Structure formats: structure tokens, C-alpha cells
N, C-alpha and C. Protein backbone atom coordinates (compact mmCIF):
# COMPACT_ATOMS: atom_id res chain seq x y z
N MET A 1 -23.85 -33.85 2.04
CA MET A 1 -22.73 -32.96 2.29
C MET A 1 -21.58 -33.79 2.84
N SER A 2 -20.44 -33.72 2.25
CA SER A 2 -19.30 -34.52 2.72
C SER A 2 -18.23 -33.65 3.37
N ALA A 3 -18.09 -32.42 2.96
CA ALA A 3 -17.06 -31.55 3.54
C ALA A 3 -17.71 -30.59 4.53
N PHE A 4 -17.13 -30.52 5.71
CA PHE A 4 -17.62 -29.61 6.72
C PHE A 4 -16.52 -28.62 7.07
N THR A 5 -16.89 -27.39 7.33
CA THR A 5 -15.95 -26.35 7.72
C THR A 5 -16.35 -25.84 9.09
N VAL A 6 -15.41 -25.84 10.03
CA VAL A 6 -15.70 -25.35 11.37
C VAL A 6 -16.26 -23.94 11.30
N GLY A 7 -17.35 -23.73 12.00
CA GLY A 7 -18.02 -22.43 12.03
C GLY A 7 -19.16 -22.30 11.04
N GLU A 8 -19.23 -23.22 10.09
CA GLU A 8 -20.27 -23.18 9.05
C GLU A 8 -21.62 -23.59 9.63
N ILE A 9 -22.65 -22.82 9.31
CA ILE A 9 -24.01 -23.21 9.66
C ILE A 9 -24.51 -24.10 8.53
N VAL A 10 -24.81 -25.36 8.87
CA VAL A 10 -25.19 -26.33 7.84
C VAL A 10 -26.70 -26.50 7.71
N ALA A 11 -27.45 -26.05 8.71
CA ALA A 11 -28.91 -26.17 8.63
C ALA A 11 -29.55 -25.26 9.67
N GLU A 12 -30.74 -24.79 9.33
CA GLU A 12 -31.55 -23.99 10.25
C GLU A 12 -33.01 -24.26 9.93
N ARG A 13 -33.83 -24.22 10.95
CA ARG A 13 -35.27 -24.30 10.71
C ARG A 13 -36.03 -23.87 11.96
N SER A 14 -37.28 -23.53 11.74
CA SER A 14 -38.20 -23.22 12.82
C SER A 14 -39.37 -24.17 12.72
N VAL A 15 -39.86 -24.60 13.87
CA VAL A 15 -41.00 -25.53 13.92
C VAL A 15 -42.01 -24.95 14.90
N HIS A 16 -43.25 -24.87 14.45
CA HIS A 16 -44.33 -24.39 15.30
C HIS A 16 -45.03 -25.59 15.93
N LEU A 17 -45.09 -25.60 17.25
CA LEU A 17 -45.78 -26.67 17.98
C LEU A 17 -47.11 -26.15 18.50
N THR A 18 -48.10 -27.01 18.47
CA THR A 18 -49.41 -26.71 19.03
C THR A 18 -49.75 -27.81 20.03
N ARG A 19 -50.83 -27.62 20.75
CA ARG A 19 -51.29 -28.69 21.64
C ARG A 19 -51.62 -29.94 20.83
N GLU A 20 -52.12 -29.75 19.63
CA GLU A 20 -52.40 -30.89 18.76
C GLU A 20 -51.11 -31.65 18.44
N SER A 21 -50.02 -30.93 18.21
CA SER A 21 -48.72 -31.57 17.97
C SER A 21 -48.34 -32.48 19.13
N LEU A 22 -48.61 -32.02 20.35
CA LEU A 22 -48.26 -32.80 21.53
C LEU A 22 -49.11 -34.06 21.64
N VAL A 23 -50.39 -33.94 21.31
CA VAL A 23 -51.28 -35.10 21.35
C VAL A 23 -50.86 -36.12 20.30
N ARG A 24 -50.53 -35.64 19.11
CA ARG A 24 -50.07 -36.55 18.06
C ARG A 24 -48.77 -37.26 18.47
N TYR A 25 -47.84 -36.49 19.07
CA TYR A 25 -46.59 -37.10 19.51
C TYR A 25 -46.85 -38.12 20.62
N ALA A 26 -47.74 -37.78 21.53
CA ALA A 26 -48.07 -38.71 22.61
C ALA A 26 -48.57 -40.03 22.03
N GLY A 27 -49.43 -39.95 21.02
CA GLY A 27 -49.94 -41.16 20.39
C GLY A 27 -48.85 -41.96 19.71
N ALA A 28 -47.94 -41.28 19.05
CA ALA A 28 -46.86 -41.97 18.34
C ALA A 28 -45.84 -42.57 19.30
N SER A 29 -45.58 -41.89 20.41
CA SER A 29 -44.53 -42.33 21.33
C SER A 29 -45.05 -43.18 22.47
N GLY A 30 -46.33 -43.07 22.75
CA GLY A 30 -46.89 -43.77 23.91
C GLY A 30 -46.69 -43.02 25.21
N ASP A 31 -46.18 -41.79 25.16
CA ASP A 31 -45.96 -40.98 26.36
C ASP A 31 -47.18 -40.11 26.61
N PHE A 32 -48.09 -40.62 27.43
CA PHE A 32 -49.33 -39.90 27.72
C PHE A 32 -49.31 -39.21 29.08
N ASN A 33 -48.14 -38.80 29.54
CA ASN A 33 -48.04 -38.07 30.79
C ASN A 33 -48.90 -36.81 30.65
N PRO A 34 -49.84 -36.58 31.55
CA PRO A 34 -50.77 -35.45 31.39
C PRO A 34 -50.13 -34.06 31.47
N ILE A 35 -48.87 -33.95 31.88
CA ILE A 35 -48.22 -32.62 31.86
C ILE A 35 -48.04 -32.14 30.43
N HIS A 36 -48.22 -33.04 29.47
CA HIS A 36 -48.06 -32.69 28.07
C HIS A 36 -49.37 -32.31 27.38
N TYR A 37 -50.48 -32.33 28.14
CA TYR A 37 -51.74 -31.92 27.51
C TYR A 37 -52.79 -31.34 28.46
N ARG A 38 -52.54 -31.38 29.77
CA ARG A 38 -53.53 -30.86 30.72
C ARG A 38 -52.93 -29.74 31.57
N ASP A 39 -53.51 -28.55 31.43
CA ASP A 39 -53.04 -27.39 32.20
C ASP A 39 -53.18 -27.61 33.70
N ASP A 40 -54.29 -28.22 34.14
CA ASP A 40 -54.50 -28.40 35.57
C ASP A 40 -53.44 -29.31 36.19
N VAL A 41 -53.06 -30.37 35.50
CA VAL A 41 -52.04 -31.28 36.01
C VAL A 41 -50.67 -30.59 36.02
N ALA A 42 -50.36 -29.87 34.94
CA ALA A 42 -49.08 -29.16 34.88
C ALA A 42 -48.99 -28.16 36.04
N ALA A 43 -50.06 -27.41 36.29
CA ALA A 43 -50.06 -26.43 37.38
C ALA A 43 -49.94 -27.12 38.74
N ALA A 44 -50.61 -28.25 38.90
CA ALA A 44 -50.60 -28.96 40.19
C ALA A 44 -49.20 -29.45 40.57
N VAL A 45 -48.36 -29.71 39.58
CA VAL A 45 -46.99 -30.16 39.89
C VAL A 45 -45.97 -29.01 39.79
N GLY A 46 -46.48 -27.77 39.68
CA GLY A 46 -45.61 -26.61 39.74
C GLY A 46 -44.99 -26.19 38.43
N LEU A 47 -45.50 -26.68 37.32
CA LEU A 47 -44.96 -26.30 36.01
C LEU A 47 -45.61 -25.01 35.53
N PRO A 48 -44.92 -24.26 34.67
CA PRO A 48 -45.47 -23.00 34.16
C PRO A 48 -46.56 -23.19 33.12
N GLY A 49 -46.82 -24.40 32.72
CA GLY A 49 -47.85 -24.71 31.72
C GLY A 49 -47.59 -26.08 31.13
N VAL A 50 -48.38 -26.43 30.14
CA VAL A 50 -48.20 -27.70 29.44
C VAL A 50 -46.87 -27.67 28.69
N LEU A 51 -46.10 -28.74 28.83
CA LEU A 51 -44.76 -28.80 28.24
C LEU A 51 -44.72 -29.73 27.04
N ALA A 52 -43.91 -29.35 26.05
CA ALA A 52 -43.61 -30.26 24.95
C ALA A 52 -42.77 -31.40 25.52
N HIS A 53 -42.93 -32.57 24.96
CA HIS A 53 -42.12 -33.72 25.35
C HIS A 53 -40.65 -33.42 25.07
N GLY A 54 -39.78 -33.79 25.98
CA GLY A 54 -38.35 -33.60 25.77
C GLY A 54 -37.85 -34.34 24.54
N MET A 55 -38.34 -35.55 24.35
CA MET A 55 -37.89 -36.33 23.20
C MET A 55 -38.41 -35.74 21.88
N LEU A 56 -39.55 -35.09 21.91
CA LEU A 56 -40.05 -34.41 20.71
C LEU A 56 -39.11 -33.25 20.37
N THR A 57 -38.75 -32.47 21.37
CA THR A 57 -37.83 -31.36 21.15
C THR A 57 -36.49 -31.87 20.63
N MET A 58 -36.00 -32.94 21.23
CA MET A 58 -34.72 -33.53 20.81
C MET A 58 -34.80 -34.05 19.37
N GLY A 59 -35.92 -34.68 19.03
CA GLY A 59 -36.10 -35.20 17.67
C GLY A 59 -36.19 -34.10 16.63
N ILE A 60 -36.91 -33.03 16.95
CA ILE A 60 -37.00 -31.89 16.02
C ILE A 60 -35.61 -31.33 15.78
N ALA A 61 -34.84 -31.22 16.86
CA ALA A 61 -33.49 -30.63 16.75
C ALA A 61 -32.61 -31.45 15.81
N VAL A 62 -32.49 -32.75 16.04
CA VAL A 62 -31.61 -33.57 15.20
C VAL A 62 -32.17 -33.73 13.79
N GLY A 63 -33.49 -33.71 13.66
CA GLY A 63 -34.12 -33.82 12.34
C GLY A 63 -33.76 -32.67 11.42
N THR A 64 -33.34 -31.56 12.00
CA THR A 64 -32.92 -30.40 11.22
C THR A 64 -31.75 -30.75 10.31
N LEU A 65 -30.95 -31.72 10.71
CA LEU A 65 -29.77 -32.10 9.93
C LEU A 65 -30.07 -33.03 8.76
N ALA A 66 -31.25 -33.60 8.69
CA ALA A 66 -31.55 -34.63 7.70
C ALA A 66 -31.17 -34.23 6.27
N ASP A 67 -31.62 -33.09 5.82
CA ASP A 67 -31.31 -32.66 4.45
C ASP A 67 -29.83 -32.33 4.28
N ALA A 68 -29.24 -31.75 5.31
CA ALA A 68 -27.84 -31.31 5.21
C ALA A 68 -26.88 -32.49 5.08
N ILE A 69 -27.18 -33.60 5.75
CA ILE A 69 -26.26 -34.73 5.69
C ILE A 69 -26.72 -35.81 4.71
N GLY A 70 -27.94 -35.71 4.23
CA GLY A 70 -28.42 -36.65 3.22
C GLY A 70 -28.84 -37.99 3.76
N ASP A 71 -27.97 -38.65 4.49
CA ASP A 71 -28.23 -39.99 5.01
C ASP A 71 -28.13 -39.93 6.53
N THR A 72 -29.27 -40.06 7.21
CA THR A 72 -29.25 -39.97 8.68
C THR A 72 -28.51 -41.16 9.31
N GLY A 73 -28.21 -42.18 8.52
CA GLY A 73 -27.39 -43.29 8.99
C GLY A 73 -25.96 -42.87 9.28
N ARG A 74 -25.59 -41.67 8.86
CA ARG A 74 -24.25 -41.14 9.14
C ARG A 74 -24.12 -40.62 10.57
N ILE A 75 -25.24 -40.50 11.28
CA ILE A 75 -25.19 -40.00 12.65
C ILE A 75 -24.60 -41.10 13.54
N LEU A 76 -23.49 -40.78 14.17
CA LEU A 76 -22.79 -41.73 15.03
C LEU A 76 -23.19 -41.59 16.50
N GLU A 77 -23.40 -40.36 16.93
CA GLU A 77 -23.77 -40.08 18.32
C GLU A 77 -24.63 -38.83 18.36
N TYR A 78 -25.48 -38.77 19.39
CA TYR A 78 -26.30 -37.58 19.59
C TYR A 78 -26.62 -37.49 21.07
N GLY A 79 -26.39 -36.34 21.64
CA GLY A 79 -26.72 -36.14 23.05
C GLY A 79 -27.09 -34.70 23.32
N VAL A 80 -27.90 -34.51 24.34
CA VAL A 80 -28.32 -33.17 24.76
C VAL A 80 -28.47 -33.15 26.28
N ARG A 81 -28.56 -31.95 26.81
CA ARG A 81 -29.01 -31.73 28.18
C ARG A 81 -30.28 -30.91 28.08
N PHE A 82 -31.29 -31.32 28.82
CA PHE A 82 -32.53 -30.55 28.83
C PHE A 82 -32.37 -29.44 29.85
N THR A 83 -32.34 -28.19 29.36
CA THR A 83 -32.05 -27.06 30.24
C THR A 83 -33.26 -26.22 30.61
N ARG A 84 -34.21 -26.09 29.71
CA ARG A 84 -35.42 -25.30 29.95
C ARG A 84 -36.60 -25.99 29.28
N PRO A 85 -37.78 -25.90 29.89
CA PRO A 85 -38.95 -26.52 29.27
C PRO A 85 -39.47 -25.67 28.10
N VAL A 86 -40.16 -26.34 27.21
CA VAL A 86 -40.85 -25.66 26.12
C VAL A 86 -42.33 -25.65 26.49
N VAL A 87 -42.80 -24.50 26.92
CA VAL A 87 -44.21 -24.35 27.31
C VAL A 87 -45.01 -24.08 26.05
N VAL A 88 -46.05 -24.88 25.83
CA VAL A 88 -46.88 -24.77 24.63
C VAL A 88 -48.21 -24.13 25.03
N ASP A 89 -48.36 -22.87 24.67
CA ASP A 89 -49.55 -22.10 24.98
C ASP A 89 -50.77 -22.71 24.27
N PRO A 90 -51.93 -22.77 24.94
CA PRO A 90 -53.11 -23.37 24.29
C PRO A 90 -53.58 -22.62 23.05
N ASP A 91 -53.31 -21.32 23.00
CA ASP A 91 -53.75 -20.53 21.85
C ASP A 91 -52.65 -20.28 20.82
N SER A 92 -51.50 -19.80 21.29
CA SER A 92 -50.44 -19.42 20.34
C SER A 92 -49.41 -20.51 20.10
N GLY A 93 -49.44 -21.59 20.86
CA GLY A 93 -48.48 -22.67 20.65
C GLY A 93 -47.09 -22.26 21.10
N ALA A 94 -46.09 -22.80 20.42
CA ALA A 94 -44.69 -22.51 20.74
C ALA A 94 -43.85 -22.67 19.49
N ASP A 95 -42.88 -21.81 19.32
CA ASP A 95 -41.98 -21.89 18.17
C ASP A 95 -40.60 -22.32 18.64
N LEU A 96 -40.08 -23.37 18.02
CA LEU A 96 -38.72 -23.84 18.26
C LEU A 96 -37.85 -23.37 17.10
N HIS A 97 -36.68 -22.86 17.40
CA HIS A 97 -35.73 -22.46 16.37
C HIS A 97 -34.47 -23.29 16.56
N VAL A 98 -34.00 -23.88 15.47
CA VAL A 98 -32.83 -24.76 15.52
C VAL A 98 -31.80 -24.27 14.52
N SER A 99 -30.56 -24.18 14.99
CA SER A 99 -29.44 -23.85 14.13
C SER A 99 -28.37 -24.91 14.35
N ALA A 100 -27.84 -25.44 13.25
CA ALA A 100 -26.82 -26.48 13.30
C ALA A 100 -25.52 -25.93 12.74
N LYS A 101 -24.49 -25.88 13.58
CA LYS A 101 -23.22 -25.28 13.21
C LYS A 101 -22.09 -26.28 13.44
N VAL A 102 -21.16 -26.34 12.51
CA VAL A 102 -20.03 -27.25 12.64
C VAL A 102 -19.12 -26.75 13.75
N GLY A 103 -18.91 -27.61 14.76
CA GLY A 103 -18.08 -27.24 15.90
C GLY A 103 -16.67 -27.76 15.81
N ALA A 104 -16.51 -28.93 15.16
CA ALA A 104 -15.18 -29.54 15.05
C ALA A 104 -15.21 -30.59 13.95
N VAL A 105 -14.06 -30.83 13.35
CA VAL A 105 -13.93 -31.85 12.30
C VAL A 105 -12.62 -32.60 12.54
N ASP A 106 -12.69 -33.95 12.44
CA ASP A 106 -11.46 -34.74 12.49
C ASP A 106 -11.43 -35.64 11.26
N ASP A 107 -10.59 -36.63 11.24
CA ASP A 107 -10.44 -37.48 10.06
C ASP A 107 -11.66 -38.35 9.77
N GLU A 108 -12.46 -38.62 10.81
CA GLU A 108 -13.58 -39.55 10.65
C GLU A 108 -14.96 -38.90 10.72
N ALA A 109 -15.07 -37.80 11.45
CA ALA A 109 -16.40 -37.26 11.72
C ALA A 109 -16.35 -35.76 11.96
N ALA A 110 -17.54 -35.19 11.92
CA ALA A 110 -17.72 -33.78 12.28
C ALA A 110 -18.63 -33.72 13.49
N ARG A 111 -18.36 -32.75 14.37
CA ARG A 111 -19.26 -32.50 15.49
C ARG A 111 -20.12 -31.31 15.10
N ILE A 112 -21.42 -31.53 15.09
CA ILE A 112 -22.37 -30.46 14.78
C ILE A 112 -23.00 -30.02 16.10
N ASP A 113 -22.90 -28.73 16.37
CA ASP A 113 -23.48 -28.16 17.59
C ASP A 113 -24.85 -27.58 17.24
N LEU A 114 -25.85 -28.03 17.95
CA LEU A 114 -27.21 -27.55 17.73
C LEU A 114 -27.57 -26.50 18.77
N THR A 115 -28.10 -25.40 18.31
CA THR A 115 -28.64 -24.38 19.20
C THR A 115 -30.15 -24.43 19.03
N VAL A 116 -30.84 -24.70 20.12
CA VAL A 116 -32.29 -24.87 20.08
C VAL A 116 -32.90 -23.88 21.05
N THR A 117 -33.72 -22.97 20.53
CA THR A 117 -34.30 -21.93 21.37
C THR A 117 -35.82 -21.90 21.24
N HIS A 118 -36.43 -21.40 22.31
CA HIS A 118 -37.87 -21.14 22.36
C HIS A 118 -38.05 -19.85 23.14
N ALA A 119 -38.76 -18.92 22.56
CA ALA A 119 -39.02 -17.62 23.20
C ALA A 119 -37.71 -16.95 23.64
N GLY A 120 -36.69 -17.06 22.79
CA GLY A 120 -35.42 -16.40 23.05
C GLY A 120 -34.54 -17.09 24.09
N THR A 121 -34.93 -18.26 24.55
CA THR A 121 -34.19 -18.98 25.57
C THR A 121 -33.70 -20.32 25.03
N THR A 122 -32.46 -20.67 25.31
CA THR A 122 -31.93 -21.96 24.90
C THR A 122 -32.59 -23.06 25.73
N VAL A 123 -33.15 -24.07 25.06
CA VAL A 123 -33.88 -25.13 25.76
C VAL A 123 -33.12 -26.46 25.80
N LEU A 124 -32.12 -26.62 24.96
CA LEU A 124 -31.28 -27.80 25.00
C LEU A 124 -29.83 -27.33 25.14
N GLY A 125 -29.13 -27.87 26.10
CA GLY A 125 -27.73 -27.53 26.29
C GLY A 125 -26.84 -28.65 25.78
N LYS A 126 -25.64 -28.28 25.41
CA LYS A 126 -24.65 -29.25 24.93
C LYS A 126 -25.29 -30.23 23.93
N ALA A 127 -26.08 -29.68 23.03
CA ALA A 127 -26.73 -30.50 22.00
C ALA A 127 -25.73 -30.71 20.87
N GLN A 128 -25.20 -31.92 20.79
CA GLN A 128 -24.15 -32.20 19.82
C GLN A 128 -24.44 -33.50 19.08
N VAL A 129 -24.14 -33.45 17.78
CA VAL A 129 -24.32 -34.60 16.92
C VAL A 129 -22.98 -34.92 16.27
N ARG A 130 -22.58 -36.16 16.35
CA ARG A 130 -21.35 -36.58 15.66
C ARG A 130 -21.77 -37.25 14.38
N VAL A 131 -21.29 -36.72 13.25
CA VAL A 131 -21.67 -37.18 11.92
C VAL A 131 -20.47 -37.75 11.19
N ARG A 132 -20.59 -38.98 10.72
CA ARG A 132 -19.52 -39.61 9.95
C ARG A 132 -19.33 -38.87 8.64
N LEU A 133 -18.08 -38.63 8.28
CA LEU A 133 -17.78 -38.02 6.99
C LEU A 133 -18.04 -39.05 5.91
N SER A 134 -18.57 -38.61 4.77
CA SER A 134 -18.85 -39.59 3.71
C SER A 134 -17.70 -39.69 2.74
């Protein structure tokens, strides 16, 4: 996609996470913090349950743009604020919903604003991707 229009939704997707997803991500990333797979440890530190890795959530969010922009090498910048945890239930898992909307366009790039929600709550704030125009 080379032309972007402010307000246009360029990509959307939902991703279902399970505890197995977290274990696989831990293996790939090397992040074996037990809050990502042990209920007892999560509870002991005051968390509402086992949490998805922040970087996994961030990666799923930006990955939503891959098909829309064609070449992920066009991504110039990406940043988020982690606002709410994604609690992954041992039985039902967790569903992430991502919507990518064009927020601004200039001569060189477009700013894509990502809305990332779980259980009706926004989990990433100020999630923005700057994409070079092709």
C-alpha cells in the first residue's frame, strides 16, 4: 500500500493467546519470568493472573500491519505505552483485538495509530507506527 488516507483503517485482526502461546514466546524470547506462566507467582506479586509478555503484545500489534504495508522494512519508528496487562486465563486464554488506522500523513511517512484491546479494555496506549511512503 503506498497511498494512505487519514482516518482509513488499513488493517485489523484478532489473536487468541493461550498459556501455551506464552510458553512458546518465552522459549523464543528467553523471557522466562514466572509471572508469564505460574499463577502462584503472579498472585504472590499482586497480579490478577498470569500475564502475556508485553513484547509479545507489542509484536502482535505491529505485526497486524505486515500485509497492509507489504514490506516491514518500511517501518521507521514504533512505540507504545503499556497501560493494562493482558491476563491469560488458564482455560479460556485471552483475545487481543488490533485495529490500525491512519492518523497522519506527510511527504515522507504515515503515522498509523494502533488500537489494541483485551476484554474491552485498551492495553497499549499511544501505540504508533511511522511508515515510510513507498
